[in-house]
């Protein structure tokens, strides 16, 4: 039996109704690309952030030993949103975040010029592309053409023959018989000089695309009293660079030794051209990044270690199943400095049947430390006393090198959205069919305590149990209590909020000292002793 597709509209409606996510500046009509978290959403995101902090910094990789046979070591850091402008020059963001953008004058859609792929006859760039599609890679462009009948109709393909995504080849008939076409990125100069002759990827019409125009993805501001180029600063587009520029400070002020990681979480900002898909692509977002520094000879082992652990970690908090995949980047996708990159991807309702990036694990080599060393003229290499030639006294000569870096970089907003989408369930057999099946570790409400009726001493017993549970579990999430409305409506409200357990005080509680515990996922109920409730909950909130 095929599982029905989840409705993103229904998920967004539930998020607003139950206080997970609101449009920023909602009463003024909102502001595109910005989202605020309501009471339940803020707690859900905090639980996700706390889980990452615990499992990546305080007890990294769950206390496992790394490829070197030692326990993994990591330390925390918190860095400012605004850094010296030269940080972003050294990192390449000032130059690299000025993307050429193209608009479709008819549909008003905007895309990066370097993501426009065209079908060239015979593979020659001299000949104008017969049709175009927007895709991150040529392989993705081929797959779009092969899988989307309506797209083929739009761009004028009557019949499709063999396709080879890896080689970027398509056999297509545009009305003159089957012909071999090469799928290649449309060169920006060709697009700039011949914009009137390039077909639109959305309508197939020529003459509706603008020439490529530079678009800066970094927000800027000014510091001090005078607004000029000397006082211009940028809002950080990522948290990682704050770690790299403090590498030497951390080594000098702590007892950490390579290999070790530095982790932080925080807000980042990108002036996205087309923010879309709810909180998936927004202009202000929160990241959780670890920069793990290691010897170059061991970097591939550490890359595989963190790649596999991060996939396992997302599964552990509720994303296990076919909706989660680990995808290794092809050579044509890698950044110029990357030795290897993998993405943990999740099948969101708006990407289905495809996937969207949840986290990237990148082998960045020594690019960042080298860049900052060159631009700042401060040595950022590392002297490793445990390496080098063996001396007559049995010690090592030592080795000086610039460490390689493995970067698991997760988006907390995308993570929270994935948890919501995965948890969202429709059960028509229930009086209130919508519920959120959160993993107990990240659920914003951990438990609810209800008196069956608001009289006969039941509210007093419920209040005492609530106080007991709040004292024990209140630091990890919300504990709810509510004496009003029917018990069915209270259960339904907790189902929609994702609360895993409800404890009900009834007449039997007063006589036999037992309570009813209701499981959110199954709706099943059982009775347990009143004095066993705390232990029952403690065993399940892990």
Protein backbone atom coordinates (compact mmCIF):
# COMPACT_ATOMS: atom_id res chain seq x y z
CA UNK A 1 0.00 0.00 0.00
CA UNK A 2 1.42 3.39 -1.03
CA UNK A 3 1.63 6.00 1.73
CA UNK A 4 -0.32 9.14 0.74
CA UNK A 5 1.80 12.21 0.03
CA UNK A 6 1.93 14.68 2.88
CA UNK A 7 0.42 18.10 2.24
CA UNK A 8 2.82 20.98 2.88
CA UNK A 9 -0.15 23.34 3.16
CA UNK A 10 -1.64 21.18 5.93
CA UNK A 11 1.72 21.04 7.74
CA UNK A 12 2.12 24.82 7.55
CA UNK A 13 -1.43 25.33 8.82
CA UNK A 14 -0.78 23.03 11.77
CA UNK A 15 2.50 24.83 12.52
CA UNK A 16 0.68 28.15 12.85
CA UNK A 17 -2.36 26.76 14.67
CA UNK A 18 -0.30 25.00 17.34
CA UNK A 19 2.41 27.64 17.66
CA UNK A 20 5.38 26.06 15.93
CA UNK A 21 6.19 28.61 13.21
CA UNK A 22 4.81 32.06 12.39
CA UNK A 23 5.55 34.36 9.48
CA UNK A 24 7.87 37.10 10.74
CA UNK A 25 6.09 40.49 11.07
CA UNK A 26 2.82 38.65 10.51
CA UNK A 27 0.50 41.51 11.53
CA UNK A 28 2.16 43.72 8.90
CA UNK A 29 1.75 41.19 6.14
CA UNK A 30 5.00 39.35 6.76
CA UNK A 31 8.46 39.74 5.26
CA UNK A 32 9.64 37.29 2.64
CA UNK A 33 12.36 34.89 3.72
CA UNK A 34 12.02 35.37 7.49
CA UNK A 35 10.23 33.15 10.00
CA UNK A 36 9.66 33.25 13.75
CA UNK A 37 9.18 30.28 16.07
CA UNK A 38 6.20 30.08 18.40
CA UNK A 39 6.25 28.50 21.88
CA UNK A 40 6.31 24.90 20.65
CA UNK A 41 8.59 25.59 17.70
CA UNK A 42 11.10 27.44 19.87
CA UNK A 43 11.24 24.49 22.27
CA UNK A 44 11.49 21.96 19.44
CA UNK A 45 14.40 23.85 17.92
CA UNK A 46 16.06 24.21 21.34
CA UNK A 47 15.76 20.47 21.90
CA UNK A 48 17.35 19.85 18.50
CA UNK A 49 20.13 22.33 19.24
CA UNK A 50 20.73 20.80 22.70
CA UNK A 51 20.88 17.29 21.23
CA UNK A 52 23.47 18.45 18.68
CA UNK A 53 25.47 20.28 21.36
CA UNK A 54 25.49 17.24 23.62
CA UNK A 55 26.35 14.69 20.92
CA UNK A 56 28.85 16.79 18.97
CA UNK A 57 30.64 18.85 21.63
CA UNK A 58 30.05 17.69 25.20
CA UNK A 59 30.02 13.95 24.43
CA UNK A 60 31.11 13.90 20.78
CA UNK A 61 30.06 10.91 18.72
CA UNK A 62 28.45 9.41 21.83
CA UNK A 63 31.83 8.80 23.45
CA UNK A 64 33.10 6.62 20.62
CA UNK A 65 36.72 6.27 19.70
CA UNK A 66 37.84 7.80 16.45
CA UNK A 67 40.06 6.38 13.69
CA UNK A 68 43.10 7.09 15.87
CA UNK A 69 41.80 4.79 18.62
CA UNK A 70 41.21 7.65 21.06
CA UNK A 71 38.01 9.25 22.33
CA UNK A 72 36.86 12.10 20.11
CA UNK A 73 37.57 15.51 21.64
CA UNK A 74 35.68 18.72 20.89
CA UNK A 75 35.32 22.14 22.52
CA UNK A 76 32.64 24.85 22.20
CA UNK A 77 32.91 28.35 20.81
CA UNK A 78 30.56 31.28 20.32
CA UNK A 79 31.44 33.95 17.78
CA UNK A 80 29.95 37.27 16.65
CA UNK A 81 27.63 37.74 13.71
CA UNK A 82 29.72 40.70 12.54
CA UNK A 83 33.43 40.09 11.96
CA UNK A 84 36.19 42.14 10.36
CA UNK A 85 35.44 42.54 6.63
CA UNK A 86 38.80 40.97 5.78
CA UNK A 87 37.52 37.67 7.22
CA UNK A 88 35.11 37.43 4.28
CA UNK A 89 37.73 38.50 1.79
CA UNK A 90 40.07 35.74 2.97
CA UNK A 91 37.31 33.12 2.97
CA UNK A 92 36.33 33.99 -0.59
CA UNK A 93 32.81 35.10 0.28
CA UNK A 94 33.22 38.69 -0.93
CA UNK A 95 34.20 37.47 -4.40
CA UNK A 96 32.31 34.19 -4.45
CA UNK A 97 28.97 35.43 -3.13
CA UNK A 98 28.38 37.75 -6.09
CA UNK A 99 26.39 35.40 -8.30
CA UNK A 100 25.18 36.26 -11.82
CA UNK A 101 21.38 36.07 -11.72
CA UNK A 102 18.83 35.88 -14.54
CA UNK A 103 15.12 36.80 -14.48
CA UNK A 104 12.34 35.44 -16.64
CA UNK A 105 10.42 38.59 -17.58
CA UNK A 106 7.21 36.65 -18.18
CA UNK A 107 7.04 34.33 -15.13
CA UNK A 108 9.09 36.62 -12.80
CA UNK A 109 11.18 33.63 -11.73
CA UNK A 110 14.86 34.17 -10.93
CA UNK A 111 17.76 31.71 -11.03
CA UNK A 112 21.53 31.58 -10.97
CA UNK A 113 23.00 31.89 -14.43
CA UNK A 114 25.45 29.07 -13.80
CA UNK A 115 22.53 26.70 -13.12
CA UNK A 116 21.09 27.07 -16.60
CA UNK A 117 21.73 23.88 -18.57
CA UNK A 118 21.06 23.69 -22.29
CA UNK A 119 20.82 20.95 -24.90
CA UNK A 120 23.53 21.65 -27.49
CA UNK A 121 23.54 19.78 -30.78
CA UNK A 122 26.78 17.91 -31.19
CA UNK A 123 28.06 19.29 -27.90
CA UNK A 124 29.19 22.59 -29.42
CA UNK A 125 28.78 25.80 -27.45
CA UNK A 126 28.80 27.76 -30.69
CA UNK A 127 25.34 26.47 -31.57
CA UNK A 128 22.52 27.97 -29.49
CA UNK A 129 20.91 25.55 -27.02
CA UNK A 130 17.68 24.01 -28.30
CA UNK A 131 16.13 24.13 -24.85
CA UNK A 132 17.14 24.94 -21.28
CA UNK A 133 16.39 23.77 -17.74
CA UNK A 134 17.53 25.02 -14.34
CA UNK A 135 19.51 22.42 -12.39
CA UNK A 136 22.45 22.30 -9.99
CA UNK A 137 24.31 19.75 -12.16
CA UNK A 138 24.10 18.52 -15.73
CA UNK A 139 23.17 15.09 -14.40
CA UNK A 140 20.23 16.64 -12.56
CA UNK A 141 19.21 18.43 -15.76
CA UNK A 142 19.16 15.13 -17.66
CA UNK A 143 17.05 13.51 -14.93
CA UNK A 144 14.57 16.40 -15.06
CA UNK A 145 14.14 16.00 -18.79
CA UNK A 146 13.82 12.22 -18.52
CA UNK A 147 11.26 12.22 -15.69
CA UNK A 148 9.03 15.24 -16.40
CA UNK A 149 6.62 14.80 -19.32
CA UNK A 150 5.11 18.26 -18.92
CA UNK A 151 8.60 19.78 -19.04
CA UNK A 152 9.37 17.92 -22.27
CA UNK A 153 6.14 19.23 -23.75
CA UNK A 154 7.01 22.79 -22.68
CA UNK A 155 10.47 22.69 -24.24
CA UNK A 156 9.22 20.99 -27.40
CA UNK A 157 10.57 17.44 -27.15
CA UNK A 158 8.20 15.15 -29.08
CA UNK A 159 9.96 11.88 -28.35
CA UNK A 160 12.76 10.93 -26.00
CA UNK A 161 15.30 8.20 -26.67
CA UNK A 162 18.20 7.03 -24.53
CA UNK A 163 19.47 9.22 -21.70
CA UNK A 164 22.76 9.08 -19.84
CA UNK A 165 22.78 11.34 -16.78
CA UNK A 166 26.40 10.57 -15.92
CA UNK A 167 27.67 11.50 -19.39
CA UNK A 168 25.16 14.34 -19.84
CA UNK A 169 23.73 12.93 -23.10
CA UNK A 170 20.14 12.88 -24.36
CA UNK A 171 18.53 11.51 -27.52
CA UNK A 172 15.59 13.76 -28.35
CA UNK A 173 13.26 14.50 -31.25
CA UNK A 174 12.24 18.15 -31.61
CA UNK A 175 10.21 17.39 -34.73
CA UNK A 176 13.06 16.63 -37.10
CA UNK A 177 13.85 13.10 -36.03
CA UNK A 178 15.88 11.67 -33.18
CA UNK A 179 19.18 13.44 -32.63
CA UNK A 180 21.95 13.24 -30.01
CA UNK A 181 22.19 16.28 -27.73
CA UNK A 182 24.81 17.19 -25.15
CA UNK A 183 23.57 18.65 -21.87
CA UNK A 184 25.96 21.35 -20.72
CA UNK A 185 25.83 24.48 -18.57
CA UNK A 186 25.05 27.48 -20.73
CA UNK A 187 28.18 29.67 -20.53
CA UNK A 188 27.51 33.02 -18.85
CA UNK A 189 29.17 34.99 -21.72
CA UNK A 190 26.90 33.23 -24.24
CA UNK A 191 23.86 34.04 -22.11
CA UNK A 192 24.96 37.66 -21.69
CA UNK A 193 25.59 38.24 -25.39
CA UNK A 194 22.63 36.25 -26.72
CA UNK A 195 19.96 36.54 -24.01
CA UNK A 196 17.30 37.28 -26.65
CA UNK A 197 17.98 33.95 -28.38
CA UNK A 198 18.19 31.65 -25.34
CA UNK A 199 14.94 29.77 -24.59
CA UNK A 200 13.39 30.26 -21.16
CA UNK A 201 13.64 27.17 -18.91
CA UNK A 202 10.09 27.85 -17.69
CA UNK A 203 8.17 28.60 -20.88
CA UNK A 204 10.50 27.54 -23.69
CA UNK A 205 10.10 30.99 -25.26
CA UNK A 206 13.01 33.01 -26.56
CA UNK A 207 13.52 36.65 -25.64
CA UNK A 208 12.02 36.47 -22.14
CA UNK A 209 15.30 36.18 -20.20
CA UNK A 210 17.25 39.17 -18.89
CA UNK A 211 20.99 39.42 -19.22
CA UNK A 212 22.89 38.03 -16.19
CA UNK A 213 23.27 40.62 -13.42
CA UNK A 214 25.48 40.40 -10.35
CA UNK A 215 23.59 39.76 -7.13
CA UNK A 216 25.35 39.94 -3.74
CA UNK A 217 24.18 37.23 -1.35
CA UNK A 218 25.69 38.88 1.74
CA UNK A 219 23.78 41.45 3.79
CA UNK A 220 25.84 44.47 4.77
CA UNK A 221 25.64 47.19 7.39
CA UNK A 222 27.85 49.91 8.85
CA UNK A 223 29.63 50.31 12.17
CA UNK A 224 30.22 53.61 13.88
CA UNK A 225 28.78 57.03 13.20
CA UNK A 226 29.81 57.46 9.55
CA UNK A 227 28.32 55.38 6.76
CA UNK A 228 31.06 54.88 4.19
CA UNK A 229 33.13 52.09 2.64
CA UNK A 230 35.58 52.13 5.58
CA UNK A 231 32.77 51.38 8.06
CA UNK A 232 31.02 48.78 5.90
CA UNK A 233 30.63 45.32 7.46
CA UNK A 234 28.80 42.14 6.54
CA UNK A 235 26.36 39.91 8.39
CA UNK A 236 28.02 36.51 8.39
CA UNK A 237 26.80 34.05 5.73
CA UNK A 238 28.08 31.12 7.81
CA UNK A 239 29.36 30.47 11.33
CA UNK A 240 32.40 28.44 10.25
CA UNK A 241 34.80 31.32 9.65
CA UNK A 242 34.52 32.44 13.27
CA UNK A 243 35.98 29.07 14.23
CA UNK A 244 38.87 29.22 11.78
CA UNK A 245 40.03 32.67 12.87
CA UNK A 246 40.12 31.48 16.51
CA UNK A 247 41.96 28.22 15.84
CA UNK A 248 45.22 29.52 17.29
CA UNK A 249 43.47 31.10 20.30
CA UNK A 250 41.74 27.84 21.15
CA UNK A 251 44.96 25.82 20.85
CA UNK A 252 46.89 28.35 22.96
CA UNK A 253 44.24 28.72 25.68
CA UNK A 254 43.24 25.08 26.16
CA UNK A 255 44.94 21.70 26.37
CA UNK A 256 43.38 20.33 23.18
CA UNK A 257 45.61 18.52 20.73
CA UNK A 258 45.05 17.60 17.10
CA UNK A 259 42.86 15.77 16.26
CA UNK A 260 40.08 17.81 17.88
CA UNK A 261 36.97 19.74 16.91
CA UNK A 262 35.55 23.19 17.62
CA UNK A 263 31.79 23.50 17.46
CA UNK A 264 29.30 26.34 17.59
CA UNK A 265 25.73 27.25 16.74
CA UNK A 266 24.35 30.59 15.69
CA UNK A 267 22.53 32.81 13.25
CA UNK A 268 23.67 33.32 9.68
CA UNK A 269 22.29 35.49 6.89
CA UNK A 270 22.10 35.10 3.13
CA UNK A 271 20.23 37.39 0.80
CA UNK A 272 18.56 34.50 -1.01
CA UNK A 273 17.24 35.46 -4.41
CA UNK A 274 14.11 33.35 -4.12
CA UNK A 275 13.44 32.25 -0.53
CA UNK A 276 10.89 29.46 -0.68
CA UNK A 277 9.50 26.24 0.73
CA UNK A 278 8.56 27.52 4.18
CA UNK A 279 11.65 27.60 6.45
CA UNK A 280 13.77 25.48 4.09
CA UNK A 281 15.33 28.39 2.21
CA UNK A 282 15.22 31.60 4.22
CA UNK A 283 17.34 34.71 4.57
CA UNK A 284 18.01 34.37 8.29
CA UNK A 285 18.73 30.91 9.61
CA UNK A 286 20.58 29.03 12.33
CA UNK A 287 23.47 26.66 11.82
CA UNK A 288 25.19 24.02 13.92
CA UNK A 289 28.74 23.52 12.66
CA UNK A 290 31.74 21.53 13.78
CA UNK A 291 35.20 22.12 12.36
CA UNK A 292 37.29 19.03 13.10
CA UNK A 293 41.04 19.51 12.70
CA UNK A 294 43.28 16.55 11.95
CA UNK A 295 46.58 15.52 10.37
CA UNK A 296 46.43 15.45 6.55
CA UNK A 297 47.35 11.74 6.48
CA UNK A 298 44.34 10.88 8.67
CA UNK A 299 41.84 13.25 7.09
CA UNK A 300 40.11 10.73 4.83
CA UNK A 301 39.49 8.41 7.78
CA UNK A 302 38.02 11.27 9.79
CA UNK A 303 35.90 12.36 6.84
CA UNK A 304 34.34 8.91 6.63
CA UNK A 305 33.93 8.81 10.43
CA UNK A 306 31.96 12.05 10.61
CA UNK A 307 30.01 11.36 7.44
CA UNK A 308 28.73 8.05 8.79
CA UNK A 309 28.09 9.35 12.31
CA UNK A 310 26.07 12.32 11.15
CA UNK A 311 23.79 10.05 9.12
CA UNK A 312 23.37 7.80 12.14
CA UNK A 313 22.67 10.78 14.39
CA UNK A 314 19.77 12.08 12.31
CA UNK A 315 18.29 8.60 12.32
CA UNK A 316 18.55 8.47 16.12
CA UNK A 317 16.28 11.49 16.62
CA UNK A 318 13.46 10.34 14.39
CA UNK A 319 14.43 10.58 10.71
CA UNK A 320 15.11 6.90 10.12
CA UNK A 321 13.58 5.41 6.98
CA UNK A 322 13.46 5.87 3.23
CA UNK A 323 13.08 9.64 3.54
CA UNK A 324 16.71 10.00 4.65
CA UNK A 325 19.69 9.37 2.36
CA UNK A 326 23.42 10.01 2.33
CA UNK A 327 24.63 11.30 -1.02
CA UNK A 328 28.27 11.69 -2.06
CA UNK A 329 28.91 14.68 -4.29
CA UNK A 330 30.11 14.10 -7.81
CA UNK A 331 33.34 15.73 -8.94
CA UNK A 332 31.44 18.40 -10.86
CA UNK A 333 29.65 19.49 -7.66
CA UNK A 334 32.68 19.92 -5.40
CA UNK A 335 33.85 23.35 -4.30
CA UNK A 336 37.28 24.21 -5.64
CA UNK A 337 38.85 23.57 -2.22
CA UNK A 338 36.86 20.44 -1.33
CA UNK A 339 38.50 17.03 -1.32
CA UNK A 340 35.15 15.34 -0.72
CA UNK A 341 31.63 16.27 0.33
CA UNK A 342 28.56 14.27 1.32
CA UNK A 343 25.07 15.53 2.02
CA UNK A 344 22.56 14.10 4.43
CA UNK A 345 19.36 14.66 2.47
CA UNK A 346 15.71 14.40 3.47
CA UNK A 347 12.69 13.89 1.24
CA UNK A 348 10.55 16.92 2.11
CA UNK A 349 6.98 17.08 0.77
CA UNK A 350 8.05 19.94 -1.53
CA UNK A 351 11.06 18.03 -2.91
CA UNK A 352 9.38 14.63 -3.34
CA UNK A 353 10.19 12.35 -5.02
CA UNK A 354 13.59 14.02 -4.73
CA UNK A 355 15.49 15.14 -1.66
CA UNK A 356 16.67 18.39 -0.09
CA UNK A 357 19.94 19.03 1.75
CA UNK A 358 19.77 18.75 5.53
CA UNK A 359 23.46 18.75 6.35
CA UNK A 360 26.73 18.82 4.45
CA UNK A 361 29.86 16.96 5.58
CA UNK A 362 32.81 18.51 3.77
CA UNK A 363 36.49 17.66 3.64
CA UNK A 364 37.79 21.23 3.35
CA UNK A 365 41.48 20.32 3.34
CA UNK A 366 43.67 23.12 4.72
CA UNK A 367 42.03 25.80 2.58
CA UNK A 368 40.52 27.99 5.32
CA UNK A 369 43.46 28.08 7.71
CA UNK A 370 45.82 28.70 4.80
CA UNK A 371 43.71 31.56 3.49
CA UNK A 372 43.46 33.27 6.88
CA UNK A 373 47.16 32.76 7.51
CA UNK A 374 48.01 34.46 4.22
CA UNK A 375 45.60 37.36 4.66
CA UNK A 376 46.21 38.01 8.37
CA UNK A 377 49.95 37.19 8.31
CA UNK A 378 49.42 35.29 11.58
CA UNK A 379 50.78 31.74 11.68
CA UNK A 380 47.95 29.25 11.97
CA UNK A 381 49.99 26.08 11.62
CA UNK A 382 50.21 23.50 14.39
CA UNK A 383 53.25 21.93 16.02
CA UNK A 384 52.56 18.29 16.80
CA UNK A 385 55.00 17.01 19.42
CA UNK A 386 53.87 13.41 18.95
CA UNK A 387 54.94 13.20 15.29
CA UNK A 388 58.18 13.36 13.38
CA UNK A 389 61.36 11.30 13.51
CA UNK A 390 62.18 9.26 16.59
CA UNK A 391 65.04 10.81 18.60
CA UNK A 392 67.74 8.86 20.51
CA UNK A 393 66.02 9.61 23.84
CA UNK A 394 62.81 7.95 22.62
CA UNK A 395 60.86 11.17 22.07
CA UNK A 396 59.68 12.54 18.75
CA UNK A 397 61.23 15.40 16.83
CA UNK A 398 57.81 16.89 16.19
CA UNK A 399 56.10 18.03 13.01
CA UNK A 400 54.69 21.39 11.98
CA UNK A 401 51.76 21.42 9.58
CA UNK A 402 48.50 23.14 8.76
CA UNK A 403 45.73 20.74 9.84
CA UNK A 404 43.09 19.54 7.45
CA UNK A 405 39.49 20.21 8.41
CA UNK A 406 36.36 18.05 8.26
CA UNK A 407 33.18 20.10 8.54
CA UNK A 408 29.80 18.61 9.44
CA UNK A 409 27.53 21.66 8.93
CA UNK A 410 23.84 21.27 9.76
CA UNK A 411 20.94 23.66 9.37
CA UNK A 412 18.87 23.77 12.55
CA UNK A 413 15.89 25.35 10.79
CA UNK A 414 15.94 22.67 8.11
CA UNK A 415 16.42 20.07 10.82
CA UNK A 416 13.39 21.29 12.74
CA UNK A 417 11.37 21.37 9.52
CA UNK A 418 12.42 17.81 8.66
CA UNK A 419 11.40 16.63 12.14
CA UNK A 420 8.00 18.27 11.73
CA UNK A 421 7.46 16.84 8.23
CA UNK A 422 8.55 13.35 9.30
CA UNK A 423 6.40 13.48 12.45
CA UNK A 424 3.29 14.76 10.66
CA UNK A 425 0.77 11.95 10.44
CA UNK A 426 -2.86 11.76 9.39
CA UNK A 427 -4.97 9.05 11.03
CA UNK A 428 -8.59 9.26 9.82
CA UNK A 429 -9.70 6.79 12.50
CA UNK A 430 -9.07 9.36 15.25
CA UNK A 431 -11.56 12.06 16.25
CA UNK A 432 -8.83 14.61 15.46
CA UNK A 433 -6.90 13.03 12.57
CA UNK A 434 -3.67 15.08 12.66
CA UNK A 435 -0.81 14.25 15.00
CA UNK A 436 2.95 14.78 15.25
CA UNK A 437 4.97 11.67 16.09
CA UNK A 438 8.11 13.35 17.42
CA UNK A 439 10.92 11.31 18.91
CA UNK A 440 10.59 11.85 22.70
CA UNK A 441 14.07 13.40 22.84
CA UNK A 442 13.07 16.35 20.65
CA UNK A 443 9.35 16.59 21.46
CA UNK A 444 8.64 20.11 22.79
CA UNK A 445 6.06 18.82 25.28
CA UNK A 446 7.35 15.79 27.14
CA UNK A 447 4.17 14.87 29.03
CA UNK A 448 0.74 16.13 29.98
CA UNK A 449 -1.16 15.55 33.22
CA UNK A 450 -4.95 15.76 33.08
CA UNK A 451 -7.65 15.38 35.73
CA UNK A 452 -10.52 13.50 34.10
CA UNK A 453 -12.94 16.06 35.53
CA UNK A 454 -12.31 19.34 37.27
CA UNK A 455 -13.70 18.24 40.66
CA UNK A 456 -13.77 15.45 43.29
CA UNK A 457 -10.14 15.99 44.31
CA UNK A 458 -8.75 15.03 40.89
CA UNK A 459 -7.28 18.50 40.08
CA UNK A 460 -5.32 18.46 43.35
CA UNK A 461 -3.75 15.05 42.59
CA UNK A 462 -3.02 16.16 39.03
CA UNK A 463 -1.31 19.32 40.30
CA UNK A 464 0.94 17.32 42.64
CA UNK A 465 1.95 14.94 39.80
CA UNK A 466 2.53 17.90 37.51
CA UNK A 467 4.87 19.50 40.06
CA UNK A 468 6.80 16.23 40.41
CA UNK A 469 7.24 15.80 36.65
CA UNK A 470 8.10 19.46 36.12
CA UNK A 471 10.83 19.31 38.75
CA UNK A 472 12.37 16.25 37.07
CA UNK A 473 11.87 16.93 33.35
CA UNK A 474 11.09 20.64 33.03
CA UNK A 475 14.62 21.47 31.89
CA UNK A 476 14.28 19.22 28.82
CA UNK A 477 10.84 20.35 27.66
CA UNK A 478 7.39 21.46 28.61
CA UNK A 479 5.12 19.61 31.03
CA UNK A 480 1.47 20.47 30.46
CA UNK A 481 -1.58 20.33 32.68
CA UNK A 482 -5.12 21.36 31.75
CA UNK A 483 -8.36 20.63 33.64
CA UNK A 484 -10.80 22.00 31.06
CA UNK A 485 -12.69 20.59 28.04
CA UNK A 486 -13.44 16.94 27.40
CA UNK A 487 -10.59 14.48 27.82
CA UNK A 488 -10.85 13.61 24.11
CA UNK A 489 -10.26 17.20 23.05
CA UNK A 490 -7.32 17.49 25.43
CA UNK A 491 -5.79 14.31 23.99
CA UNK A 492 -6.29 15.62 20.45
CA UNK A 493 -4.60 18.91 21.31
CA UNK A 494 -1.59 17.06 22.71
CA UNK A 495 -1.46 14.80 19.64
CA UNK A 496 -1.21 17.86 17.40
CA UNK A 497 1.51 19.30 19.64
CA UNK A 498 3.48 16.05 19.49
CA UNK A 499 3.30 15.21 23.20
CA UNK A 500 4.25 11.51 23.51
CA UNK A 501 2.51 10.67 26.83
CA UNK A 502 -0.60 11.82 28.66
CA UNK A 503 -1.33 10.83 32.27
CA UNK A 504 -4.95 11.01 33.39
CA UNK A 505 -6.14 11.24 36.98
CA UNK A 506 -9.55 9.61 37.43
CA UNK A 507 -11.70 8.06 40.12
CA UNK A 508 -9.55 4.93 40.30
CA UNK A 509 -6.54 7.10 41.04
CA UNK A 510 -8.19 8.24 44.27
CA UNK A 511 -8.99 4.69 45.38
CA UNK A 512 -6.22 2.52 43.94
CA UNK A 513 -3.39 5.07 43.42
CA UNK A 514 -3.07 4.29 39.70
CA UNK A 515 -3.27 6.51 36.64
CA UNK A 516 -4.06 6.01 32.97
CA UNK A 517 -1.15 6.60 30.61
CA UNK A 518 -1.98 7.16 26.96
CA UNK A 519 0.54 6.61 24.14
CA UNK A 520 0.38 9.26 21.42
CA UNK A 521 1.44 7.06 18.51
CA UNK A 522 -0.95 4.17 19.09
CA UNK A 523 -3.65 5.77 21.22
CA UNK A 524 -3.37 2.73 23.52
CA UNK A 525 -3.94 3.18 27.25
CA UNK A 526 -2.67 1.31 30.27
CA UNK A 527 -2.74 1.78 34.01
CA UNK A 528 0.38 2.22 36.09
CA UNK A 529 0.98 3.08 39.72
CA UNK A 530 0.92 6.78 40.54
CA UNK A 531 4.32 6.59 42.23
CA UNK A 532 5.83 4.92 39.13
CA UNK A 533 5.00 7.72 36.68
CA UNK A 534 8.34 9.54 37.01
CA UNK A 535 10.33 6.36 36.41
CA UNK A 536 8.07 5.37 33.51
CA UNK A 537 8.70 8.69 31.81
CA UNK A 538 12.44 8.70 32.54
CA UNK A 539 12.86 5.37 30.72
CA UNK A 540 11.19 6.71 27.57
CA UNK A 541 12.53 10.25 27.24
CA UNK A 542 15.86 9.17 25.76
